Structures are given as structure tokens and as C-alpha cells.
Amino acid sequence: MDQATEPPKHLDLTKDRGLTVHWRDGRISFYPVKYLRKMSPSADALQLREQMQANPLTVLPASAEGQDESLTATGVEMVGHYAVKITFSDGHDTGLYSWRYLREIDPNTPPDHE
């Protein structure tokens, strides 16, 4: 099992701030709530990101527009040994954040680091 797919040592969710992941290799990653919601790996969020990349004038759905300071994470649930599912205050709960995906989207790592 490589570092990108290895489960972390510890997860800490602060509902109004974000998710802190303590990886087994000593790295610590912090993902703000709004960032996690924006980067949700769910099919609808992925499609929206692709549309926005192709057309910066894409109209955001009402749920995406409402992502202000009141957005919180209302829960986190382990999915097997490979991912977590995060529930957000706007009702979104369909994205599974695999360990590999969390490593890829780590906001504190340059994009071509892995």
C-alpha cells in the first residue's frame, strides 16, 4: 500500500473550520470546510467544476451560491478503509473523499508534488 492510499493516523473535524488529517508519513493536511465542499468528488460537483473551467460565466446552482461563512460540516463518516463521507450544512453528502483524493487536493501542497 502506498502513502496515497494508506489510511491516515488521525482525522479531526472542526465543523465550522475544516478537516485536519494526520498522515502516517508525518504530514499534516488541513482542508477548510468551504474548500472541501467546492472540491467534492461527487458527480454533480465534478460536472460543475468542469463547466466552470470551460466557461467562467457558468451560472452556479442555488446551493453553490449559498456557500458563505455559514457553511459547516455537520458530520464525517468512515467508508471502509479507503475514504470518508462528509455531510455539509447545505445538505450535500454524496462525495466520497478517498485518501488518494485528499492527498491530491491538499491545499498546502504544490499541484505536481506527488
Protein backbone atom coordinates (compact mmCIF):
# COMPACT_ATOMS: atom_id res chain seq x y z
CA MET A 1 0.00 0.00 0.00
CA ASP A 2 1.49 3.36 -0.99
CA GLN A 3 1.25 6.58 1.05
CA ALA A 4 -1.54 7.97 -1.15
CA THR A 5 -3.88 5.07 -0.37
CA GLU A 6 -2.81 4.35 3.21
CA PRO A 7 -5.39 5.40 5.83
CA PRO A 8 -4.33 8.36 7.98
CA LYS A 9 -3.37 8.02 11.65
CA HIS A 10 -5.94 10.55 12.81
CA LEU A 11 -8.80 12.72 11.50
CA ASP A 12 -10.14 15.77 13.30
CA LEU A 13 -13.22 17.59 12.02
CA THR A 14 -13.95 21.06 13.35
CA LYS A 15 -17.42 21.63 11.94
CA ASP A 16 -17.07 25.38 11.37
CA ARG A 17 -13.42 25.31 10.26
CA GLY A 18 -12.41 22.15 8.44
CA LEU A 19 -10.81 18.72 8.44
CA THR A 20 -7.30 18.07 9.74
CA VAL A 21 -5.67 14.84 8.56
CA HIS A 22 -2.59 13.40 10.28
CA TRP A 23 -0.98 11.12 7.70
CA ARG A 24 1.17 8.13 8.63
CA ASP A 25 4.21 9.69 6.93
CA GLY A 26 4.10 12.63 9.37
CA ARG A 27 2.43 15.08 7.02
CA ILE A 28 -0.50 17.09 8.41
CA SER A 29 -3.09 18.47 5.98
CA PHE A 30 -5.85 20.98 6.69
CA TYR A 31 -8.88 21.29 4.42
CA PRO A 32 -11.23 24.25 5.09
CA VAL A 33 -14.95 23.38 5.01
CA LYS A 34 -15.69 25.63 2.01
CA TYR A 35 -12.74 24.10 0.12
CA LEU A 36 -13.93 20.54 0.83
CA ARG A 37 -17.43 21.43 -0.37
CA LYS A 38 -16.08 23.10 -3.51
CA MET A 39 -13.81 20.13 -4.26
CA SER A 40 -16.41 17.46 -3.52
CA PRO A 41 -15.69 14.37 -5.62
CA SER A 42 -19.41 13.79 -6.22
CA ALA A 43 -20.51 13.56 -9.83
CA ASP A 44 -22.59 16.75 -9.72
CA ALA A 45 -19.77 18.81 -8.16
CA LEU A 46 -17.23 17.41 -10.64
CA GLN A 47 -19.51 18.30 -13.54
CA LEU A 48 -19.97 21.84 -12.18
CA ARG A 49 -16.18 22.32 -11.82
CA GLU A 50 -15.68 21.13 -15.41
CA GLN A 51 -18.38 23.52 -16.66
CA MET A 52 -16.82 26.42 -14.74
CA GLN A 53 -13.39 25.61 -16.15
CA ALA A 54 -14.77 25.56 -19.70
CA ASN A 55 -16.99 28.62 -19.18
CA PRO A 56 -16.18 31.04 -16.33
CA LEU A 57 -19.67 32.57 -16.78
CA THR A 58 -21.40 29.34 -15.71
CA VAL A 59 -24.44 30.04 -13.55
CA LEU A 60 -24.00 28.41 -10.15
CA PRO A 61 -26.86 26.42 -8.64
CA ALA A 62 -28.52 27.99 -5.59
CA SER A 63 -26.78 25.54 -3.22
CA ALA A 64 -23.33 26.57 -4.52
CA GLU A 65 -24.16 30.27 -4.37
CA GLY A 66 -25.10 29.96 -0.71
CA GLN A 67 -21.63 28.80 0.32
CA ASP A 68 -20.92 31.70 2.59
CA GLU A 69 -19.42 31.79 6.06
CA SER A 70 -22.42 29.87 7.46
CA LEU A 71 -21.47 26.66 5.60
CA THR A 72 -20.37 24.00 8.06
CA ALA A 73 -19.55 20.32 8.01
CA THR A 74 -22.25 18.57 10.01
CA GLY A 75 -20.63 15.15 10.10
CA VAL A 76 -17.97 12.79 8.84
CA GLU A 77 -18.29 9.04 8.37
CA MET A 78 -15.67 6.43 7.52
CA VAL A 79 -16.30 4.46 4.32
CA GLY A 80 -14.40 1.20 4.58
CA HIS A 81 -10.65 1.70 4.90
CA TYR A 82 -10.35 3.94 1.87
CA ALA A 83 -12.44 7.11 2.29
CA VAL A 84 -14.60 9.45 4.33
CA LYS A 85 -18.03 10.86 3.55
CA ILE A 86 -18.62 14.42 4.75
CA THR A 87 -22.07 15.90 5.25
CA PHE A 88 -22.44 19.66 4.84
CA SER A 89 -24.99 22.10 6.26
CA ASP A 90 -26.32 22.79 2.73
CA GLY A 91 -27.44 19.15 2.56
CA HIS A 92 -24.65 17.90 0.28
CA ASP A 93 -23.49 14.43 1.32
CA THR A 94 -22.75 12.42 -1.82
CA GLY A 95 -18.99 12.87 -2.16
CA LEU A 96 -16.60 10.15 -1.00
CA TYR A 97 -13.18 11.62 -0.23
CA SER A 98 -10.68 8.79 -0.73
CA TRP A 99 -7.28 9.07 0.91
CA ARG A 100 -5.72 9.39 -2.55
CA TYR A 101 -8.11 12.22 -3.48
CA LEU A 102 -7.44 14.08 -0.21
CA ARG A 103 -3.71 13.85 -0.94
CA GLU A 104 -4.30 15.18 -4.47
CA ILE A 105 -6.34 18.19 -3.34
CA ASP A 106 -4.25 19.10 -0.29
CA PRO A 107 -4.37 22.92 -0.41
CA ASN A 108 -0.87 23.17 1.12
CA THR A 109 0.86 21.03 -1.50
CA PRO A 110 2.02 22.25 -4.91
CA PRO A 111 -0.04 20.52 -7.67
CA ASP A 112 2.86 18.45 -9.05
CA HIS A 113 4.26 17.38 -5.64
CA GLU A 114 3.05 13.74 -5.54
